[in-house]
């Protein structure tokens, strides 16, 4: 299952926040296996830079404001990058003296994977053990194994989890235009015809390699054709030349022909293009994951719509729905620990950076702020969103929908990116893009994919 067993050990509720300063001091004398030298800075004051591709800046500012209520003398500056830009920027920053003190790190995929960046992180295990005890891992909802090096040193600490494989819809637009929420392919086409007649796009999507979630659309399609096959292939128990993968690409190409996705999809990126199309109400649907729940909050919805170019926006009701059963079976969700925070082992401000990273990830106060942003599935055992205080646009319909989505995510036994290497992610992007631009057939795209994974 996606979630760690919450009864796997005794859960020590909050160690005193004041103890974090002492924890940071311990970390200074126990520097990571891949980063060393004298550590400098104060555990209770200083200036640090945090780089990430997530969360959105408006959400990060809320995290920082809450942290500063406890640590007013630690100034945190957040720099947000587009998914496709983050890896190159982080690589350059970590290899210089101008990089971040704290940075986002992912299990796998092609944004900031542990395999590429894990060795840059200060070992946080001594700090975690000091703060939470030797069984600190039991306090986290998600296993931290994917951010732990072979020698047992901890390169990053979980911020929380995500799952993908669902569609987000503009329920307000569906209601206004009288469209039925689709559950299968024919219903999807019928809904799209209604939106097209109103001058709206149907499913917003971006396919530019490195900035694409179209691979996840392909994966969702395949899961409705043969459930479990994609994850079996990631584990090496099935071959990428199984006919279901080619059939999935054929369905994806047909979605373009039938107007579910735009003709110019190969010239668009998921961020910002597809994201902005949905948030500006130019498109009725978008495939995003659990992290998109954050835009169900009125303040986040307004900020995101303004960022998408809407003047004086009125928030709409957005809801998650299951991916339509285009292949005859219910779609599978896939998820895992989304990302963690790492402390740059080369930083000259390791102490305040550690204070910040552990306050946000390993205290109830920090974890509650994260949970209330509904950007992540809560990563600290016993913490959940304070549903009645979130300020949702339409709480009566959004709270049960998001709770159901979280429960479905918890039941998933398929990881999202942990087994996806950067090379494999690139191969997926190439297969999808080449088919949608019409430069190759689904059969040839699969042949190229198989060849690249065997090379």
Protein backbone atom coordinates (compact mmCIF):
# COMPACT_ATOMS: atom_id res chain seq x y z
CA UNK A 1 0.00 0.00 0.00
CA UNK A 2 0.99 3.60 -0.53
CA UNK A 3 0.76 4.35 3.19
CA UNK A 4 3.03 2.96 5.88
CA UNK A 5 1.12 1.07 8.60
CA UNK A 6 0.24 3.79 11.10
CA UNK A 7 0.29 1.20 13.91
CA UNK A 8 3.80 0.01 13.14
CA UNK A 9 5.26 1.52 16.28
CA UNK A 10 4.57 3.82 19.17
CA UNK A 11 4.12 7.35 17.87
CA UNK A 12 5.87 9.97 19.96
CA UNK A 13 3.89 13.13 19.69
CA UNK A 14 5.69 16.36 19.38
CA UNK A 15 9.16 16.71 20.79
CA UNK A 16 9.42 20.22 22.12
CA UNK A 17 10.01 22.71 19.35
CA UNK A 18 12.81 24.24 21.37
CA UNK A 19 14.68 20.95 21.06
CA UNK A 20 15.10 21.44 17.31
CA UNK A 21 17.87 23.96 17.90
CA UNK A 22 19.78 21.36 19.86
CA UNK A 23 19.08 18.78 17.15
CA UNK A 24 20.56 21.12 14.54
CA UNK A 25 23.67 21.50 16.67
CA UNK A 26 24.03 17.70 16.81
CA UNK A 27 23.82 17.58 13.04
CA UNK A 28 26.75 19.96 12.75
CA UNK A 29 29.05 17.47 14.39
CA UNK A 30 27.62 14.51 12.48
CA UNK A 31 27.85 15.69 8.91
CA UNK A 32 26.71 13.47 6.09
CA UNK A 33 28.69 10.73 4.48
CA UNK A 34 28.75 12.60 1.20
CA UNK A 35 29.20 16.13 2.54
CA UNK A 36 31.72 17.21 5.08
CA UNK A 37 33.92 19.93 6.41
CA UNK A 38 33.19 22.40 9.17
CA UNK A 39 29.56 23.41 9.35
CA UNK A 40 28.73 26.99 10.15
CA UNK A 41 25.75 29.05 11.17
CA UNK A 42 23.43 29.33 14.12
CA UNK A 43 20.56 26.94 14.73
CA UNK A 44 18.29 29.83 15.71
CA UNK A 45 19.23 32.66 13.35
CA UNK A 46 20.53 33.31 9.88
CA UNK A 47 19.39 33.52 6.27
CA UNK A 48 18.77 30.46 4.08
CA UNK A 49 17.60 29.81 0.55
CA UNK A 50 15.13 27.05 -0.30
CA UNK A 51 14.83 25.87 -3.91
CA UNK A 52 12.07 23.67 -5.26
CA UNK A 53 9.73 22.88 -8.09
CA UNK A 54 6.98 22.55 -5.51
CA UNK A 55 5.09 23.90 -3.61
CA UNK A 56 3.71 26.95 -5.34
CA UNK A 57 5.20 30.17 -4.04
CA UNK A 58 1.98 31.20 -2.29
CA UNK A 59 1.92 27.91 -0.38
CA UNK A 60 5.63 28.08 0.50
CA UNK A 61 5.14 31.57 1.88
CA UNK A 62 2.53 30.21 4.29
CA UNK A 63 4.94 27.50 5.44
CA UNK A 64 7.66 30.07 6.01
CA UNK A 65 5.35 32.47 7.86
CA UNK A 66 4.32 29.70 10.26
CA UNK A 67 7.95 28.71 10.78
CA UNK A 68 8.89 32.30 11.54
CA UNK A 69 6.35 32.39 14.35
CA UNK A 70 8.69 29.93 16.11
CA UNK A 71 11.97 31.11 14.59
CA UNK A 72 11.65 34.81 13.77
CA UNK A 73 15.41 35.22 13.35
CA UNK A 74 15.79 32.67 10.54
CA UNK A 75 15.01 34.30 7.20
CA UNK A 76 13.91 31.81 4.53
CA UNK A 77 13.78 32.81 0.86
CA UNK A 78 11.97 30.42 -1.45
CA UNK A 79 12.71 30.13 -5.16
CA UNK A 80 10.24 28.19 -7.28
CA UNK A 81 11.19 26.62 -10.62
CA UNK A 82 9.13 25.07 -13.39
CA UNK A 83 9.44 21.28 -13.35
CA UNK A 84 11.45 21.20 -16.56
CA UNK A 85 13.92 23.87 -15.39
CA UNK A 86 14.63 22.66 -11.88
CA UNK A 87 17.07 19.83 -12.51
CA UNK A 88 19.56 21.85 -14.52
CA UNK A 89 19.37 24.78 -12.13
CA UNK A 90 19.82 22.56 -9.08
CA UNK A 91 22.76 20.71 -10.59
CA UNK A 92 24.54 23.99 -11.32
CA UNK A 93 23.68 25.43 -7.93
CA UNK A 94 24.87 22.44 -5.90
CA UNK A 95 28.16 22.35 -7.77
CA UNK A 96 28.83 26.00 -6.98
CA UNK A 97 28.79 28.24 -3.94
CA UNK A 98 25.61 29.97 -5.07
CA UNK A 99 23.19 27.10 -4.64
CA UNK A 100 20.41 26.52 -2.10
CA UNK A 101 20.79 25.68 1.56
CA UNK A 102 17.64 23.55 1.44
CA UNK A 103 16.35 21.85 -1.70
CA UNK A 104 13.53 19.59 -2.89
CA UNK A 105 14.51 16.04 -3.80
CA UNK A 106 12.36 13.30 -5.35
CA UNK A 107 12.58 9.52 -5.30
CA UNK A 108 12.89 9.14 -9.05
CA UNK A 109 11.62 10.59 -12.30
CA UNK A 110 13.22 13.37 -14.27
CA UNK A 111 12.88 16.43 -12.02
CA UNK A 112 15.28 16.03 -9.08
CA UNK A 113 15.79 12.32 -8.58
CA UNK A 114 17.58 10.81 -5.60
CA UNK A 115 19.98 8.95 -7.88
CA UNK A 116 21.34 12.23 -9.23
CA UNK A 117 21.16 14.46 -6.16
CA UNK A 118 21.16 12.16 -3.13
CA UNK A 119 24.86 12.54 -2.47
CA UNK A 120 24.55 16.31 -2.06
CA UNK A 121 22.40 16.03 1.06
CA UNK A 122 23.67 16.32 4.61
CA UNK A 123 23.00 13.20 6.67
CA UNK A 124 19.89 14.03 8.71
CA UNK A 125 19.65 10.70 10.54
CA UNK A 126 21.41 11.94 13.72
CA UNK A 127 19.07 14.92 13.88
CA UNK A 128 15.98 12.76 13.37
CA UNK A 129 17.09 10.28 16.02
CA UNK A 130 17.78 13.08 18.45
CA UNK A 131 14.39 14.66 17.87
CA UNK A 132 12.12 11.64 17.46
CA UNK A 133 14.12 8.68 18.78
CA UNK A 134 15.66 5.63 17.14
CA UNK A 135 12.32 4.53 15.71
CA UNK A 136 11.73 7.92 14.06
CA UNK A 137 10.60 6.27 10.84
CA UNK A 138 7.42 5.09 12.55
CA UNK A 139 6.32 8.70 12.88
CA UNK A 140 6.11 9.09 9.10
CA UNK A 141 3.24 7.97 6.90
CA UNK A 142 5.53 7.11 3.99
CA UNK A 143 8.68 5.04 4.00
CA UNK A 144 11.81 7.17 3.81
CA UNK A 145 13.82 4.35 2.20
CA UNK A 146 13.81 6.11 -1.16
CA UNK A 147 15.71 9.05 0.34
CA UNK A 148 18.17 6.92 2.32
CA UNK A 149 21.65 6.10 1.00
CA UNK A 150 23.14 2.61 0.99
CA UNK A 151 25.18 3.37 4.12
CA UNK A 152 22.00 4.27 6.01
CA UNK A 153 22.56 8.01 5.98
CA UNK A 154 19.45 10.06 5.29
CA UNK A 155 19.69 12.53 2.42
CA UNK A 156 16.19 13.96 2.75
CA UNK A 157 13.08 13.89 4.91
CA UNK A 158 9.55 13.35 3.62
CA UNK A 159 7.29 16.34 3.11
CA UNK A 160 4.33 14.10 2.30
CA UNK A 161 2.95 11.98 -0.49
CA UNK A 162 1.08 12.26 -3.74
CA UNK A 163 -0.86 9.99 -6.02
CA UNK A 164 -1.79 10.42 -9.66
CA UNK A 165 -4.08 8.75 -12.14
CA UNK A 166 -7.20 10.87 -11.62
CA UNK A 167 -8.72 13.73 -13.63
CA UNK A 168 -9.63 17.15 -12.18
CA UNK A 169 -12.74 18.76 -13.60
CA UNK A 170 -14.30 22.21 -13.50
CA UNK A 171 -17.60 21.11 -11.97
CA UNK A 172 -18.98 24.61 -12.35
CA UNK A 173 -18.44 24.43 -16.11
CA UNK A 174 -19.97 20.95 -16.32
CA UNK A 175 -23.06 22.20 -14.50
CA UNK A 176 -23.36 25.40 -16.52
CA UNK A 177 -23.15 23.61 -19.87
CA UNK A 178 -25.12 20.53 -18.85
CA UNK A 179 -22.30 18.07 -19.53
CA UNK A 180 -22.24 14.65 -17.89
CA UNK A 181 -19.11 13.65 -15.97
CA UNK A 182 -17.61 10.91 -18.18
CA UNK A 183 -17.07 7.36 -16.98
CA UNK A 184 -16.09 5.78 -20.32
CA UNK A 185 -14.70 6.80 -23.70
CA UNK A 186 -18.00 7.51 -25.47
CA UNK A 187 -19.20 9.69 -22.61
CA UNK A 188 -15.89 11.53 -22.66
CA UNK A 189 -16.24 12.34 -26.37
CA UNK A 190 -19.84 13.47 -25.81
CA UNK A 191 -18.81 15.82 -23.02
CA UNK A 192 -15.97 17.21 -25.13
CA UNK A 193 -18.38 17.94 -27.96
CA UNK A 194 -20.43 20.08 -25.58
CA UNK A 195 -17.36 22.01 -24.44
CA UNK A 196 -16.15 22.50 -28.01
CA UNK A 197 -19.54 23.97 -28.97
CA UNK A 198 -19.08 26.48 -26.14
CA UNK A 199 -15.58 27.40 -27.34
CA UNK A 200 -13.80 25.50 -24.57
CA UNK A 201 -11.06 22.89 -24.66
CA UNK A 202 -11.82 19.53 -23.11
CA UNK A 203 -8.75 17.90 -21.48
CA UNK A 204 -5.81 20.28 -21.04
CA UNK A 205 -2.52 18.51 -21.68
CA UNK A 206 1.11 19.29 -22.42
CA UNK A 207 3.46 16.94 -24.21
CA UNK A 208 6.73 18.86 -24.52
CA UNK A 209 9.35 16.34 -23.29
CA UNK A 210 10.59 17.06 -19.78
CA UNK A 211 7.47 19.14 -19.09
CA UNK A 212 4.90 16.47 -19.82
CA UNK A 213 2.43 14.46 -17.77
CA UNK A 214 1.17 12.74 -20.91
CA UNK A 215 3.05 9.62 -19.84
CA UNK A 216 0.70 9.45 -16.86
CA UNK A 217 -2.28 9.72 -19.20
CA UNK A 218 -0.84 6.81 -21.18
CA UNK A 219 -0.29 4.89 -17.95
CA UNK A 220 -3.88 5.50 -16.85
CA UNK A 221 -5.19 4.31 -20.21
CA UNK A 222 -3.11 1.13 -19.98
CA UNK A 223 -4.37 0.50 -16.44
CA UNK A 224 -7.94 0.40 -17.79
CA UNK A 225 -6.85 -2.12 -20.44
CA UNK A 226 -4.77 -4.41 -18.25
CA UNK A 227 -4.66 -3.41 -14.58
CA UNK A 228 -1.27 -3.75 -12.93
CA UNK A 229 0.68 -4.21 -16.16
CA UNK A 230 2.51 -0.87 -16.08
CA UNK A 231 3.84 -1.42 -12.58
CA UNK A 232 4.81 -4.98 -13.44
CA UNK A 233 6.88 -3.63 -16.33
CA UNK A 234 8.53 -1.08 -14.03
CA UNK A 235 9.45 -3.94 -11.70
CA UNK A 236 10.86 -5.97 -14.59
CA UNK A 237 8.11 -8.60 -14.41
CA UNK A 238 6.51 -7.68 -17.74
CA UNK A 239 7.82 -6.44 -21.09
CA UNK A 240 7.15 -3.05 -22.61
CA UNK A 241 6.24 -4.81 -25.85
CA UNK A 242 3.08 -6.25 -24.30
CA UNK A 243 0.22 -5.40 -26.72
CA UNK A 244 -1.58 -3.34 -24.06
CA UNK A 245 1.10 -0.63 -24.22
CA UNK A 246 0.68 -0.22 -27.96
CA UNK A 247 -3.10 -0.24 -27.55
CA UNK A 248 -2.74 2.51 -24.96
CA UNK A 249 -0.86 4.69 -27.45
CA UNK A 250 -3.53 4.00 -30.04
CA UNK A 251 -6.20 5.22 -27.62
CA UNK A 252 -4.13 8.31 -26.85
CA UNK A 253 -3.84 9.12 -30.56
CA UNK A 254 -7.59 8.59 -30.97
CA UNK A 255 -8.21 11.06 -28.14
CA UNK A 256 -6.54 13.70 -30.27
CA UNK A 257 -8.59 12.72 -33.31
CA UNK A 258 -11.83 12.86 -31.32
CA UNK A 259 -11.14 16.25 -29.76
CA UNK A 260 -10.52 15.16 -26.20
CA UNK A 261 -7.08 16.77 -26.39
CA UNK A 262 -5.95 19.67 -28.56
CA UNK A 263 -4.43 19.28 -32.03
CA UNK A 264 -1.39 21.35 -31.00
CA UNK A 265 -0.78 19.36 -27.81
CA UNK A 266 2.81 18.50 -28.77
CA UNK A 267 3.72 22.19 -28.66
CA UNK A 268 2.43 22.64 -25.11
CA UNK A 269 3.89 21.90 -21.68
CA UNK A 270 1.89 20.64 -18.71
CA UNK A 271 3.29 23.57 -16.71
CA UNK A 272 2.52 26.31 -17.41
CA UNK A 273 0.33 25.70 -20.48
CA UNK A 274 -2.10 22.95 -19.44
CA UNK A 275 -2.19 24.19 -15.87
CA UNK A 276 -3.03 27.73 -16.96
CA UNK A 277 -5.64 26.56 -19.46
CA UNK A 278 -7.56 24.78 -16.72
CA UNK A 279 -7.17 27.48 -14.08
CA UNK A 280 -8.22 30.21 -16.52
CA UNK A 281 -11.32 28.14 -17.42
CA UNK A 282 -10.28 27.66 -21.02
CA UNK A 283 -10.38 23.88 -20.48
CA UNK A 284 -12.87 21.76 -18.57
CA UNK A 285 -10.46 19.06 -17.36
CA UNK A 286 -6.81 18.40 -16.65
CA UNK A 287 -4.92 15.32 -15.56
CA UNK A 288 -3.11 16.21 -12.37
CA UNK A 289 -2.58 14.40 -9.09
CA UNK A 290 -3.59 14.78 -5.46
CA UNK A 291 -1.47 17.94 -5.21
CA UNK A 292 -4.08 19.77 -7.25
CA UNK A 293 -6.45 19.74 -4.27
CA UNK A 294 -4.74 22.93 -3.11
CA UNK A 295 -6.69 24.90 -5.71
CA UNK A 296 -9.93 23.82 -4.06
CA UNK A 297 -9.21 26.44 -1.41
CA UNK A 298 -10.66 29.84 -2.20
CA UNK A 299 -7.48 31.82 -1.50
CA UNK A 300 -5.27 29.41 -3.45
CA UNK A 301 -7.77 29.31 -6.30
CA UNK A 302 -7.80 33.10 -6.59
CA UNK A 303 -3.99 33.33 -6.48
CA UNK A 304 -3.54 30.57 -9.06
CA UNK A 305 -6.18 32.00 -11.39
CA UNK A 306 -4.53 35.42 -11.21
CA UNK A 307 -1.18 33.77 -11.99
CA UNK A 308 -2.85 32.14 -15.00
CA UNK A 309 -3.80 35.59 -16.30
CA UNK A 310 -7.36 35.97 -14.99
CA UNK A 311 -8.30 39.46 -13.82
CA UNK A 312 -10.53 39.67 -10.73
CA UNK A 313 -11.23 35.91 -10.76
CA UNK A 314 -14.22 34.14 -9.26
CA UNK A 315 -13.15 30.68 -8.02
CA UNK A 316 -14.89 27.71 -9.59
CA UNK A 317 -15.65 24.34 -8.03
CA UNK A 318 -13.00 21.82 -9.01
CA UNK A 319 -13.32 18.12 -8.17
CA UNK A 320 -11.27 14.96 -8.73
CA UNK A 321 -12.91 12.15 -10.69
CA UNK A 322 -11.69 8.67 -11.64
CA UNK A 323 -9.98 8.42 -15.02
CA UNK A 324 -12.70 7.23 -17.44
CA UNK A 325 -12.72 3.48 -18.07
CA UNK A 326 -11.58 3.77 -21.68
CA UNK A 327 -10.28 0.20 -21.71
CA UNK A 328 -13.13 -1.38 -19.79
CA UNK A 329 -11.60 -1.53 -16.30
CA UNK A 330 -11.35 0.99 -13.44
CA UNK A 331 -8.15 3.03 -13.63
CA UNK A 332 -5.39 2.49 -11.10
CA UNK A 333 -3.96 5.25 -8.93
CA UNK A 334 -0.21 5.30 -8.40
CA UNK A 335 1.65 7.19 -5.72
CA UNK A 336 4.38 7.44 -3.15
CA UNK A 337 6.31 9.89 -1.04
CA UNK A 338 6.28 12.91 -3.33
CA UNK A 339 9.44 14.69 -2.32
CA UNK A 340 11.61 15.46 0.63
CA UNK A 341 13.69 18.33 1.90
CA UNK A 342 17.47 17.99 1.77
CA UNK A 343 20.05 20.19 3.44
CA UNK A 344 22.94 21.05 1.15
CA UNK A 345 26.04 19.51 2.73
CA UNK A 346 28.16 22.32 1.25
CA UNK A 347 26.02 25.07 2.72
CA UNK A 348 27.53 27.64 5.06
CA UNK A 349 24.21 27.75 6.90
CA UNK A 350 23.66 24.10 7.73
CA UNK A 351 22.38 24.78 11.25
CA UNK A 352 19.45 27.10 10.39
CA UNK A 353 18.76 24.99 7.27
CA UNK A 354 18.42 21.89 9.44
CA UNK A 355 16.22 23.75 11.89
CA UNK A 356 13.89 24.73 9.05
CA UNK A 357 13.85 21.34 7.32
CA UNK A 358 13.10 19.41 10.50
CA UNK A 359 10.53 21.87 11.82
CA UNK A 360 8.58 21.62 8.59
CA UNK A 361 8.83 17.85 8.13
CA UNK A 362 9.20 16.37 11.61
CA UNK A 363 6.99 18.35 14.01
CA UNK A 364 3.23 18.39 14.38
CA UNK A 365 3.18 22.16 13.88
CA UNK A 366 5.01 22.03 10.58
CA UNK A 367 3.17 18.94 9.37
CA UNK A 368 -0.18 20.54 10.18
CA UNK A 369 0.65 23.55 8.04
CA UNK A 370 1.54 21.18 5.18
CA UNK A 371 -1.65 19.16 5.68
CA UNK A 372 -3.82 22.28 5.64
CA UNK A 373 -2.35 23.37 2.33
CA UNK A 374 -3.79 20.10 0.88
CA UNK A 375 -0.88 20.14 -1.52
CA UNK A 376 0.36 16.80 -0.16
CA UNK A 377 -1.09 13.75 1.52
CA UNK A 378 0.01 14.29 5.13
CA UNK A 379 3.40 12.74 5.82
CA UNK A 380 3.42 12.75 9.64
CA UNK A 381 1.36 10.08 11.40
CA UNK A 382 -1.70 11.42 13.19
CA UNK A 383 -1.90 14.67 11.21
CA UNK A 384 -4.69 15.35 8.74
CA UNK A 385 -6.18 18.48 7.21
CA UNK A 386 -8.40 20.55 9.50
CA UNK A 387 -11.20 20.18 6.99
CA UNK A 388 -13.64 22.71 8.41
CA UNK A 389 -11.01 25.45 8.50
CA UNK A 390 -9.58 25.13 4.99
CA UNK A 391 -11.73 27.74 3.28
CA UNK A 392 -12.76 25.52 0.37
CA UNK A 393 -14.83 26.99 -2.46
CA UNK A 394 -17.62 24.40 -1.98
CA UNK A 395 -16.81 22.35 1.14
CA UNK A 396 -19.99 20.24 1.04
CA UNK A 397 -18.93 18.60 -2.21
CA UNK A 398 -15.16 19.07 -2.13
CA UNK A 399 -14.43 17.61 1.32
CA UNK A 400 -15.96 14.17 0.60
CA UNK A 401 -14.44 14.12 -2.89
CA UNK A 402 -10.93 14.86 -1.60
CA UNK A 403 -11.31 12.44 1.31
CA UNK A 404 -12.34 9.70 -1.10
CA UNK A 405 -9.37 10.52 -3.31
CA UNK A 406 -7.03 10.26 -0.30
CA UNK A 407 -8.56 6.92 0.69
CA UNK A 408 -8.18 5.55 -2.84
CA UNK A 409 -4.58 6.74 -2.87
CA UNK A 410 -3.95 4.99 0.44
CA UNK A 411 -5.18 1.74 -1.06
CA UNK A 412 -2.78 1.94 -4.02
CA UNK A 413 0.12 -0.49 -4.19
CA UNK A 414 1.80 1.05 -7.25
CA UNK A 415 4.55 3.64 -6.98
CA UNK A 416 4.61 6.64 -9.28
CA UNK A 417 8.22 7.64 -9.99
CA UNK A 418 10.42 5.64 -7.64
CA UNK A 419 11.25 3.03 -10.29
CA UNK A 420 11.37 5.51 -13.18
CA UNK A 421 14.93 6.50 -14.08
CA UNK A 422 15.54 9.76 -15.97
CA UNK A 423 16.35 7.73 -19.09
CA UNK A 424 13.10 5.78 -18.86
CA UNK A 425 11.10 8.97 -18.26
CA UNK A 426 12.65 10.44 -21.38
CA UNK A 427 11.82 7.29 -23.36
CA UNK A 428 8.18 7.53 -22.25
CA UNK A 429 8.01 11.19 -23.28
CA UNK A 430 9.49 10.41 -26.70
CA UNK A 431 7.00 7.59 -27.31
CA UNK A 432 4.00 9.75 -26.45
CA UNK A 433 5.21 12.86 -28.30
CA UNK A 434 6.16 10.98 -31.48
CA UNK A 435 2.76 9.29 -31.68
CA UNK A 436 0.78 12.47 -30.99
CA UNK A 437 2.74 14.51 -33.52
CA UNK A 438 2.14 11.76 -36.09
CA UNK A 439 5.81 11.11 -36.83
CA UNK A 440 5.63 7.45 -35.86
CA UNK A 441 3.09 4.72 -35.34
CA UNK A 442 2.28 3.29 -31.91
CA UNK A 443 3.96 0.03 -32.96
CA UNK A 444 7.17 1.79 -33.95
CA UNK A 445 7.10 3.92 -30.81
CA UNK A 446 6.93 0.77 -28.70
CA UNK A 447 9.78 -0.78 -30.65
CA UNK A 448 11.91 2.30 -29.96
CA UNK A 449 10.96 2.23 -26.29
CA UNK A 450 11.87 -1.43 -25.95
CA UNK A 451 15.18 -0.84 -27.72
CA UNK A 452 16.05 2.08 -25.48
CA UNK A 453 15.27 0.18 -22.29
CA UNK A 454 17.43 -2.73 -23.38
CA UNK A 455 20.35 -0.60 -24.47
